[in-house]
Amino acid sequence: MTKKLLIVDDEERIRELVQACLEDLGEWDTLTAASGSEGLKIAQTEPIDAILLDVSMPDMDGFAVYEKLQANSETDTIPVILLTAKVQGSDRARFAQMGIAGIITKPFEPTSICNEVSEILGWDD
């Protein structure tokens, strides 16, 4: 069965690039959201296998979105991969404690993002 991923990022070109890579190279279905609140609505109404979540967004940042996902029994089991440009060693430990599945740093290599997602989530190609 084809996996369905939700991409939540306030930058349209990042959403489009990630979506094209995941669909064309990974042959996965994708949904996109331009804001945290839009992403939460989609996650609560669609069957999602994983979420790629931008950390730095206006209104509601990725951490606030993640906390709301974790607080909802319908969405608390969806693995979340953070998309972020700012990652320090201390952040990685904090993310692991929070239960975040993994991190993909921006800028990322478009041709390898599917492999990174598969590796983080333990999905076999």
N, C-alpha and C. Protein backbone atom coordinates (compact mmCIF):
# COMPACT_ATOMS: atom_id res chain seq x y z
N MET A 1 0.83 -1.18 0.00
CA MET A 1 0.00 0.00 0.00
C MET A 1 0.88 1.25 0.00
N THR A 2 0.51 2.22 -0.78
CA THR A 2 1.29 3.45 -0.90
C THR A 2 1.21 4.26 0.39
N LYS A 3 2.35 4.76 0.84
CA LYS A 3 2.42 5.60 2.03
C LYS A 3 1.91 7.00 1.70
N LYS A 4 1.31 7.64 2.72
CA LYS A 4 0.84 9.02 2.54
C LYS A 4 1.54 9.90 3.57
N LEU A 5 2.21 10.95 3.07
CA LEU A 5 2.94 11.85 3.93
C LEU A 5 2.35 13.25 3.86
N LEU A 6 2.39 13.93 5.00
CA LEU A 6 1.95 15.31 5.08
C LEU A 6 3.17 16.20 5.22
N ILE A 7 3.26 17.21 4.37
CA ILE A 7 4.37 18.16 4.40
C ILE A 7 3.82 19.49 4.94
N VAL A 8 4.36 19.93 6.07
CA VAL A 8 3.91 21.19 6.67
C VAL A 8 5.08 22.17 6.67
N ASP A 9 4.97 23.19 5.83
CA ASP A 9 6.04 24.20 5.73
C ASP A 9 5.41 25.49 5.22
N ASP A 10 5.79 26.61 5.80
CA ASP A 10 5.22 27.88 5.37
C ASP A 10 5.83 28.40 4.06
N GLU A 11 6.93 27.82 3.63
CA GLU A 11 7.56 28.24 2.37
C GLU A 11 7.05 27.38 1.22
N GLU A 12 6.34 28.04 0.30
CA GLU A 12 5.71 27.32 -0.81
C GLU A 12 6.72 26.53 -1.65
N ARG A 13 7.87 27.13 -1.95
CA ARG A 13 8.84 26.42 -2.81
C ARG A 13 9.42 25.19 -2.12
N ILE A 14 9.57 25.24 -0.80
CA ILE A 14 10.05 24.06 -0.06
C ILE A 14 8.97 22.96 -0.12
N ARG A 15 7.71 23.35 0.14
CA ARG A 15 6.60 22.37 0.07
C ARG A 15 6.57 21.71 -1.30
N GLU A 16 6.66 22.53 -2.36
CA GLU A 16 6.58 21.98 -3.73
C GLU A 16 7.76 21.07 -4.03
N LEU A 17 8.97 21.46 -3.60
CA LEU A 17 10.15 20.64 -3.86
C LEU A 17 10.06 19.30 -3.12
N VAL A 18 9.72 19.35 -1.85
CA VAL A 18 9.60 18.11 -1.06
C VAL A 18 8.50 17.23 -1.65
N GLN A 19 7.38 17.84 -1.99
CA GLN A 19 6.27 17.08 -2.57
C GLN A 19 6.68 16.40 -3.87
N ALA A 20 7.35 17.12 -4.76
CA ALA A 20 7.79 16.55 -6.04
C ALA A 20 8.75 15.39 -5.80
N CYS A 21 9.69 15.56 -4.88
CA CYS A 21 10.66 14.49 -4.60
C CYS A 21 9.98 13.25 -4.04
N LEU A 22 9.11 13.44 -3.07
CA LEU A 22 8.46 12.29 -2.42
C LEU A 22 7.54 11.56 -3.38
N GLU A 23 6.85 12.32 -4.24
CA GLU A 23 5.93 11.68 -5.20
C GLU A 23 6.68 11.04 -6.36
N ASP A 24 7.64 11.75 -6.94
CA ASP A 24 8.33 11.26 -8.13
C ASP A 24 9.37 10.18 -7.80
N LEU A 25 10.15 10.41 -6.75
CA LEU A 25 11.23 9.48 -6.41
C LEU A 25 10.76 8.39 -5.43
N GLY A 26 9.94 8.76 -4.48
CA GLY A 26 9.49 7.80 -3.48
C GLY A 26 8.21 7.08 -3.87
N GLU A 27 7.52 7.64 -4.87
CA GLU A 27 6.23 7.11 -5.32
C GLU A 27 5.24 7.03 -4.16
N TRP A 28 5.29 8.06 -3.30
CA TRP A 28 4.36 8.17 -2.18
C TRP A 28 3.32 9.22 -2.48
N ASP A 29 2.19 9.14 -1.81
CA ASP A 29 1.17 10.17 -1.90
C ASP A 29 1.52 11.26 -0.89
N THR A 30 1.22 12.50 -1.24
CA THR A 30 1.51 13.58 -0.30
C THR A 30 0.34 14.54 -0.19
N LEU A 31 0.27 15.18 0.95
CA LEU A 31 -0.63 16.29 1.18
C LEU A 31 0.25 17.42 1.70
N THR A 32 -0.14 18.66 1.47
CA THR A 32 0.67 19.77 1.97
C THR A 32 -0.18 20.73 2.78
N ALA A 33 0.50 21.42 3.70
CA ALA A 33 -0.14 22.45 4.51
C ALA A 33 0.83 23.61 4.63
N ALA A 34 0.30 24.83 4.54
CA ALA A 34 1.12 26.04 4.59
C ALA A 34 1.28 26.58 6.00
N SER A 35 0.57 25.97 6.96
CA SER A 35 0.66 26.45 8.35
C SER A 35 0.46 25.29 9.30
N GLY A 36 0.86 25.51 10.55
CA GLY A 36 0.68 24.48 11.56
C GLY A 36 -0.78 24.13 11.78
N SER A 37 -1.65 25.15 11.83
CA SER A 37 -3.06 24.87 12.08
C SER A 37 -3.68 24.09 10.92
N GLU A 38 -3.29 24.42 9.70
CA GLU A 38 -3.78 23.67 8.53
C GLU A 38 -3.28 22.22 8.59
N GLY A 39 -2.01 22.05 8.97
CA GLY A 39 -1.45 20.71 9.10
C GLY A 39 -2.18 19.87 10.14
N LEU A 40 -2.52 20.49 11.27
CA LEU A 40 -3.25 19.77 12.31
C LEU A 40 -4.61 19.31 11.82
N LYS A 41 -5.31 20.18 11.09
CA LYS A 41 -6.63 19.82 10.55
C LYS A 41 -6.52 18.61 9.62
N ILE A 42 -5.53 18.64 8.73
CA ILE A 42 -5.35 17.53 7.79
C ILE A 42 -5.01 16.25 8.54
N ALA A 43 -4.10 16.34 9.50
CA ALA A 43 -3.67 15.15 10.26
C ALA A 43 -4.85 14.51 11.00
N GLN A 44 -5.81 15.32 11.40
CA GLN A 44 -6.96 14.79 12.13
C GLN A 44 -8.04 14.21 11.23
N THR A 45 -7.99 14.53 9.93
CA THR A 45 -9.05 14.09 9.04
C THR A 45 -8.60 13.11 7.96
N GLU A 46 -7.29 12.98 7.76
CA GLU A 46 -6.76 12.09 6.72
C GLU A 46 -5.90 11.00 7.35
N PRO A 47 -5.88 9.80 6.74
CA PRO A 47 -4.95 8.78 7.24
C PRO A 47 -3.53 9.12 6.77
N ILE A 48 -2.67 9.49 7.70
CA ILE A 48 -1.31 9.92 7.39
C ILE A 48 -0.32 8.92 7.96
N ASP A 49 0.70 8.54 7.16
CA ASP A 49 1.74 7.61 7.62
C ASP A 49 2.90 8.33 8.28
N ALA A 50 3.13 9.60 7.91
CA ALA A 50 4.22 10.37 8.52
C ALA A 50 4.04 11.84 8.17
N ILE A 51 4.66 12.70 8.99
CA ILE A 51 4.59 14.14 8.78
C ILE A 51 6.00 14.70 8.71
N LEU A 52 6.26 15.50 7.67
CA LEU A 52 7.50 16.28 7.59
C LEU A 52 7.12 17.69 8.01
N LEU A 53 7.69 18.15 9.11
CA LEU A 53 7.24 19.36 9.78
C LEU A 53 8.36 20.39 9.89
N ASP A 54 8.11 21.57 9.32
CA ASP A 54 9.06 22.67 9.45
C ASP A 54 9.03 23.18 10.89
N VAL A 55 10.18 23.53 11.43
CA VAL A 55 10.24 24.03 12.80
C VAL A 55 9.91 25.52 12.85
N SER A 56 10.50 26.31 11.94
CA SER A 56 10.34 27.78 11.98
C SER A 56 9.19 28.22 11.09
N MET A 57 8.03 28.43 11.71
CA MET A 57 6.86 28.92 10.97
C MET A 57 6.21 30.03 11.79
N PRO A 58 5.58 31.00 11.11
CA PRO A 58 4.87 32.04 11.85
C PRO A 58 3.62 31.45 12.51
N ASP A 59 3.04 32.17 13.41
CA ASP A 59 1.82 31.77 14.13
C ASP A 59 2.06 30.60 15.07
N MET A 60 2.30 29.42 14.52
CA MET A 60 2.50 28.23 15.35
C MET A 60 3.75 27.50 14.84
N ASP A 61 4.80 27.43 15.66
CA ASP A 61 6.02 26.77 15.19
C ASP A 61 5.87 25.25 15.24
N GLY A 62 6.86 24.57 14.70
CA GLY A 62 6.80 23.11 14.62
C GLY A 62 6.66 22.42 15.96
N PHE A 63 7.28 23.01 17.01
CA PHE A 63 7.18 22.39 18.33
C PHE A 63 5.75 22.46 18.87
N ALA A 64 5.09 23.60 18.66
CA ALA A 64 3.70 23.74 19.10
C ALA A 64 2.80 22.77 18.34
N VAL A 65 3.05 22.62 17.04
CA VAL A 65 2.27 21.67 16.23
C VAL A 65 2.49 20.25 16.76
N TYR A 66 3.75 19.91 17.01
CA TYR A 66 4.08 18.57 17.51
C TYR A 66 3.39 18.29 18.84
N GLU A 67 3.40 19.28 19.74
CA GLU A 67 2.74 19.10 21.04
C GLU A 67 1.24 18.85 20.87
N LYS A 68 0.62 19.57 19.95
CA LYS A 68 -0.81 19.37 19.70
C LYS A 68 -1.08 17.99 19.08
N LEU A 69 -0.19 17.55 18.19
CA LEU A 69 -0.32 16.21 17.61
C LEU A 69 -0.23 15.15 18.71
N GLN A 70 0.72 15.32 19.63
CA GLN A 70 0.93 14.36 20.71
C GLN A 70 -0.23 14.36 21.70
N ALA A 71 -0.90 15.49 21.84
CA ALA A 71 -2.00 15.60 22.81
C ALA A 71 -3.32 15.02 22.28
N ASN A 72 -3.35 14.66 21.00
CA ASN A 72 -4.57 14.16 20.37
C ASN A 72 -4.41 12.66 20.11
N SER A 73 -5.33 11.86 20.63
CA SER A 73 -5.23 10.40 20.47
C SER A 73 -5.35 9.95 19.01
N GLU A 74 -5.92 10.79 18.15
CA GLU A 74 -6.03 10.44 16.73
C GLU A 74 -4.73 10.66 15.97
N THR A 75 -3.84 11.51 16.52
CA THR A 75 -2.62 11.86 15.79
C THR A 75 -1.34 11.55 16.55
N ASP A 76 -1.44 11.06 17.78
CA ASP A 76 -0.22 10.91 18.60
C ASP A 76 0.69 9.77 18.16
N THR A 77 0.22 8.91 17.26
CA THR A 77 1.08 7.81 16.79
C THR A 77 1.72 8.09 15.42
N ILE A 78 1.41 9.23 14.83
CA ILE A 78 1.98 9.56 13.52
C ILE A 78 3.43 9.99 13.71
N PRO A 79 4.39 9.31 13.05
CA PRO A 79 5.79 9.73 13.18
C PRO A 79 6.01 11.10 12.56
N VAL A 80 6.82 11.91 13.24
CA VAL A 80 7.10 13.27 12.77
C VAL A 80 8.60 13.42 12.53
N ILE A 81 8.93 13.92 11.33
CA ILE A 81 10.31 14.25 10.97
C ILE A 81 10.38 15.76 10.86
N LEU A 82 11.30 16.36 11.59
CA LEU A 82 11.45 17.80 11.54
C LEU A 82 12.30 18.22 10.35
N LEU A 83 11.88 19.27 9.67
CA LEU A 83 12.67 19.91 8.62
C LEU A 83 13.17 21.22 9.21
N THR A 84 14.46 21.36 9.40
CA THR A 84 14.96 22.56 10.04
C THR A 84 16.35 22.93 9.56
N ALA A 85 16.61 24.22 9.56
CA ALA A 85 17.94 24.69 9.17
C ALA A 85 18.85 24.81 10.39
N LYS A 86 18.26 24.87 11.56
CA LYS A 86 19.05 25.10 12.78
C LYS A 86 19.00 23.88 13.68
N VAL A 87 20.07 23.08 13.67
CA VAL A 87 20.13 21.93 14.55
C VAL A 87 21.48 21.91 15.26
N GLN A 88 21.43 21.85 16.57
CA GLN A 88 22.65 21.74 17.36
C GLN A 88 22.61 20.39 18.07
N GLY A 89 23.75 19.97 18.57
CA GLY A 89 23.83 18.68 19.26
C GLY A 89 22.83 18.56 20.38
N SER A 90 22.66 19.63 21.16
CA SER A 90 21.72 19.59 22.28
C SER A 90 20.28 19.45 21.78
N ASP A 91 20.00 20.01 20.59
CA ASP A 91 18.66 19.88 20.03
C ASP A 91 18.33 18.43 19.70
N ARG A 92 19.30 17.71 19.15
CA ARG A 92 19.06 16.32 18.76
C ARG A 92 18.64 15.49 19.97
N ALA A 93 19.31 15.69 21.10
CA ALA A 93 18.95 14.96 22.32
C ALA A 93 17.55 15.34 22.78
N ARG A 94 17.24 16.63 22.72
CA ARG A 94 15.91 17.10 23.13
C ARG A 94 14.84 16.52 22.23
N PHE A 95 15.08 16.51 20.91
CA PHE A 95 14.11 15.97 19.96
C PHE A 95 13.87 14.49 20.24
N ALA A 96 14.94 13.75 20.51
CA ALA A 96 14.81 12.32 20.79
C ALA A 96 13.96 12.11 22.06
N GLN A 97 14.18 12.91 23.08
CA GLN A 97 13.40 12.81 24.30
C GLN A 97 11.93 13.11 24.05
N MET A 98 11.67 14.02 23.12
CA MET A 98 10.29 14.40 22.80
C MET A 98 9.58 13.31 21.99
N GLY A 99 10.35 12.39 21.42
CA GLY A 99 9.73 11.34 20.60
C GLY A 99 9.68 11.67 19.13
N ILE A 100 10.44 12.67 18.70
CA ILE A 100 10.49 13.03 17.28
C ILE A 100 11.23 11.91 16.54
N ALA A 101 10.66 11.48 15.42
CA ALA A 101 11.24 10.34 14.69
C ALA A 101 12.62 10.65 14.14
N GLY A 102 12.82 11.87 13.65
CA GLY A 102 14.11 12.22 13.07
C GLY A 102 14.15 13.65 12.60
N ILE A 103 15.30 14.02 12.05
CA ILE A 103 15.52 15.39 11.59
C ILE A 103 16.14 15.34 10.20
N ILE A 104 15.63 16.18 9.32
CA ILE A 104 16.26 16.40 8.02
C ILE A 104 16.62 17.88 7.99
N THR A 105 17.91 18.16 7.82
CA THR A 105 18.35 19.55 7.87
C THR A 105 18.23 20.22 6.51
N LYS A 106 17.84 21.49 6.55
CA LYS A 106 17.79 22.32 5.35
C LYS A 106 19.12 23.05 5.25
N PRO A 107 19.66 23.24 4.08
CA PRO A 107 19.13 22.72 2.82
C PRO A 107 19.40 21.22 2.71
N PHE A 108 18.47 20.50 2.16
CA PHE A 108 18.62 19.05 2.00
C PHE A 108 18.89 18.73 0.54
N GLU A 109 19.36 17.53 0.30
CA GLU A 109 19.63 17.07 -1.06
C GLU A 109 18.34 16.47 -1.61
N PRO A 110 17.69 17.14 -2.58
CA PRO A 110 16.39 16.66 -3.06
C PRO A 110 16.39 15.19 -3.50
N THR A 111 17.46 14.75 -4.15
CA THR A 111 17.47 13.37 -4.66
C THR A 111 17.60 12.33 -3.55
N SER A 112 18.00 12.75 -2.35
CA SER A 112 18.17 11.76 -1.28
C SER A 112 17.13 11.87 -0.17
N ILE A 113 16.19 12.81 -0.29
CA ILE A 113 15.24 12.99 0.81
C ILE A 113 14.38 11.74 1.03
N CYS A 114 14.02 11.04 -0.04
CA CYS A 114 13.22 9.81 0.12
C CYS A 114 13.99 8.76 0.91
N ASN A 115 15.28 8.62 0.60
CA ASN A 115 16.11 7.67 1.34
C ASN A 115 16.21 8.06 2.80
N GLU A 116 16.35 9.36 3.07
CA GLU A 116 16.42 9.82 4.46
C GLU A 116 15.13 9.50 5.20
N VAL A 117 13.99 9.78 4.58
CA VAL A 117 12.69 9.49 5.20
C VAL A 117 12.55 8.00 5.46
N SER A 118 12.87 7.18 4.46
CA SER A 118 12.78 5.72 4.61
C SER A 118 13.67 5.22 5.73
N GLU A 119 14.89 5.75 5.80
CA GLU A 119 15.84 5.34 6.81
C GLU A 119 15.35 5.71 8.22
N ILE A 120 14.90 6.96 8.37
CA ILE A 120 14.40 7.43 9.68
C ILE A 120 13.22 6.59 10.14
N LEU A 121 12.32 6.27 9.23
CA LEU A 121 11.08 5.59 9.60
C LEU A 121 11.18 4.06 9.52
N GLY A 122 12.31 3.55 9.02
CA GLY A 122 12.47 2.11 8.90
C GLY A 122 11.59 1.50 7.82
N TRP A 123 11.30 2.29 6.79
CA TRP A 123 10.50 1.80 5.66
C TRP A 123 11.44 1.18 4.63
N ASP A 124 11.13 -0.01 4.20
CA ASP A 124 11.93 -0.65 3.15
C ASP A 124 11.44 -0.14 1.81
N ASP A 125 12.39 0.13 0.92
CA ASP A 125 12.02 0.63 -0.42
C ASP A 125 11.23 -0.40 -1.19
